């Protein structure tokens, strides 16, 4: 290492680079937390499977829709 002092411009450039890196790491952390929050649990998986099973039963069935009141 050299003992010379860095100029103000060099320090500012280094700080800008570090702030840019910090910003990108912060974004990566937010995305990782978002992905982790969206991982379905075992309980919700069973709920999803039940919902899918219900939808499979409903596919192809006729539905009668009644409307109450005057038209």
C-alpha atoms as a PDB file:
ATOM      1  CA  UNK A   1       0.000   0.000   0.000  1.00  0.00           C
ATOM      2  CA  UNK A   2       1.107   3.513  -0.617  1.00  0.00           C
ATOM      3  CA  UNK A   3       1.079   6.150   2.043  1.00  0.00           C
ATOM      4  CA  UNK A   4      -0.098   8.929  -0.244  1.00  0.00           C
ATOM      5  CA  UNK A   5      -3.386  10.606   0.545  1.00  0.00           C
ATOM      6  CA  UNK A   6      -6.231  10.213  -1.894  1.00  0.00           C
ATOM      7  CA  UNK A   7      -7.608  13.289  -3.566  1.00  0.00           C
ATOM      8  CA  UNK A   8     -11.145  14.452  -2.917  1.00  0.00           C
ATOM      9  CA  UNK A   9     -12.163  13.350  -6.407  1.00  0.00           C
ATOM     10  CA  UNK A  10     -10.782   9.859  -5.838  1.00  0.00           C
ATOM     11  CA  UNK A  11     -12.588   9.569  -2.518  1.00  0.00           C
ATOM     12  CA  UNK A  12     -15.843  10.778  -4.053  1.00  0.00           C
ATOM     13  CA  UNK A  13     -15.502   8.289  -6.921  1.00  0.00           C
ATOM     14  CA  UNK A  14     -14.820   5.483  -4.459  1.00  0.00           C
ATOM     15  CA  UNK A  15     -17.807   6.496  -2.330  1.00  0.00           C
ATOM     16  CA  UNK A  16     -20.036   6.640  -5.416  1.00  0.00           C
ATOM     17  CA  UNK A  17     -18.920   3.134  -6.404  1.00  0.00           C
ATOM     18  CA  UNK A  18     -19.563   1.825  -2.892  1.00  0.00           C
ATOM     19  CA  UNK A  19     -22.997   3.478  -2.747  1.00  0.00           C
ATOM     20  CA  UNK A  20     -23.881   1.931  -6.109  1.00  0.00           C
ATOM     21  CA  UNK A  21     -22.833  -1.490  -4.852  1.00  0.00           C
ATOM     22  CA  UNK A  22     -24.794  -0.982  -1.631  1.00  0.00           C
ATOM     23  CA  UNK A  23     -27.863  -0.029  -3.644  1.00  0.00           C
ATOM     24  CA  UNK A  24     -27.629  -3.108  -5.852  1.00  0.00           C
ATOM     25  CA  UNK A  25     -27.162  -5.354  -2.801  1.00  0.00           C
ATOM     26  CA  UNK A  26     -30.177  -3.753  -1.156  1.00  0.00           C
ATOM     27  CA  UNK A  27     -32.292  -4.490  -4.242  1.00  0.00           C
ATOM     28  CA  UNK A  28     -31.048  -8.093  -4.303  1.00  0.00           C
ATOM     29  CA  UNK A  29     -31.943  -8.476  -0.626  1.00  0.00           C
ATOM     30  CA  UNK A  30     -35.452  -7.107  -1.209  1.00  0.00           C
ATOM     31  CA  UNK A  31     -35.976  -9.511  -4.117  1.00  0.00           C
ATOM     32  CA  UNK A  32     -34.714 -12.461  -2.065  1.00  0.00           C
ATOM     33  CA  UNK A  33     -37.059 -11.564   0.792  1.00  0.00           C
ATOM     34  CA  UNK A  34     -39.965 -11.187  -1.652  1.00  0.00           C
ATOM     35  CA  UNK A  35     -39.253 -14.624  -3.166  1.00  0.00           C
ATOM     36  CA  UNK A  36     -38.980 -16.160   0.289  1.00  0.00           C
ATOM     37  CA  UNK A  37     -42.295 -14.614   1.357  1.00  0.00           C
ATOM     38  CA  UNK A  38     -44.027 -16.072  -1.724  1.00  0.00           C
ATOM     39  CA  UNK A  39     -42.906 -19.668  -1.101  1.00  0.00           C
ATOM     40  CA  UNK A  40     -46.109 -21.554  -0.305  1.00  0.00           C
ATOM     41  CA  UNK A  41     -46.210 -23.503   2.929  1.00  0.00           C
ATOM     42  CA  UNK A  42     -47.310 -27.142   3.181  1.00  0.00           C
ATOM     43  CA  UNK A  43     -50.703 -26.061   4.533  1.00  0.00           C
ATOM     44  CA  UNK A  44     -51.331 -23.662   1.670  1.00  0.00           C
ATOM     45  CA  UNK A  45     -50.203 -26.330  -0.788  1.00  0.00           C
ATOM     46  CA  UNK A  46     -52.910 -28.626   0.481  1.00  0.00           C
ATOM     47  CA  UNK A  47     -55.401 -25.773   0.147  1.00  0.00           C
ATOM     48  CA  UNK A  48     -54.206 -25.199  -3.413  1.00  0.00           C
ATOM     49  CA  UNK A  49     -54.561 -28.889  -4.192  1.00  0.00           C
ATOM     50  CA  UNK A  50     -58.106 -28.874  -2.807  1.00  0.00           C
ATOM     51  CA  UNK A  51     -58.942 -25.816  -4.910  1.00  0.00           C
ATOM     52  CA  UNK A  52     -57.509 -27.454  -8.038  1.00  0.00           C
ATOM     53  CA  UNK A  53     -59.495 -30.617  -7.351  1.00  0.00           C
ATOM     54  CA  UNK A  54     -62.678 -28.575  -6.996  1.00  0.00           C
ATOM     55  CA  UNK A  55     -61.958 -26.776 -10.264  1.00  0.00           C
ATOM     56  CA  UNK A  56     -61.394 -30.105 -12.027  1.00  0.00           C
ATOM     57  CA  UNK A  57     -64.811 -31.279 -10.785  1.00  0.00           C
ATOM     58  CA  UNK A  58     -66.452 -28.086 -12.018  1.00  0.00           C
ATOM     59  CA  UNK A  59     -64.953 -28.140 -15.514  1.00  0.00           C
ATOM     60  CA  UNK A  60     -67.526 -29.177 -18.093  1.00  0.00           C
ATOM     61  CA  UNK A  61     -70.541 -28.838 -15.821  1.00  0.00           C
ATOM     62  CA  UNK A  62     -73.446 -26.650 -16.779  1.00  0.00           C
ATOM     63  CA  UNK A  63     -74.209 -23.765 -14.493  1.00  0.00           C
ATOM     64  CA  UNK A  64     -77.613 -22.169 -14.093  1.00  0.00           C
ATOM     65  CA  UNK A  65     -77.457 -18.489 -13.251  1.00  0.00           C
ATOM     66  CA  UNK A  66     -80.579 -16.815 -11.955  1.00  0.00           C
ATOM     67  CA  UNK A  67     -81.034 -13.090 -11.680  1.00  0.00           C
ATOM     68  CA  UNK A  68     -83.306 -11.627  -9.042  1.00  0.00           C
ATOM     69  CA  UNK A  69     -85.190  -8.410  -9.489  1.00  0.00           C
ATOM     70  CA  UNK A  70     -86.463  -6.572 -12.530  1.00  0.00           C
ATOM     71  CA  UNK A  71     -84.472  -6.441 -15.764  1.00  0.00           C
END
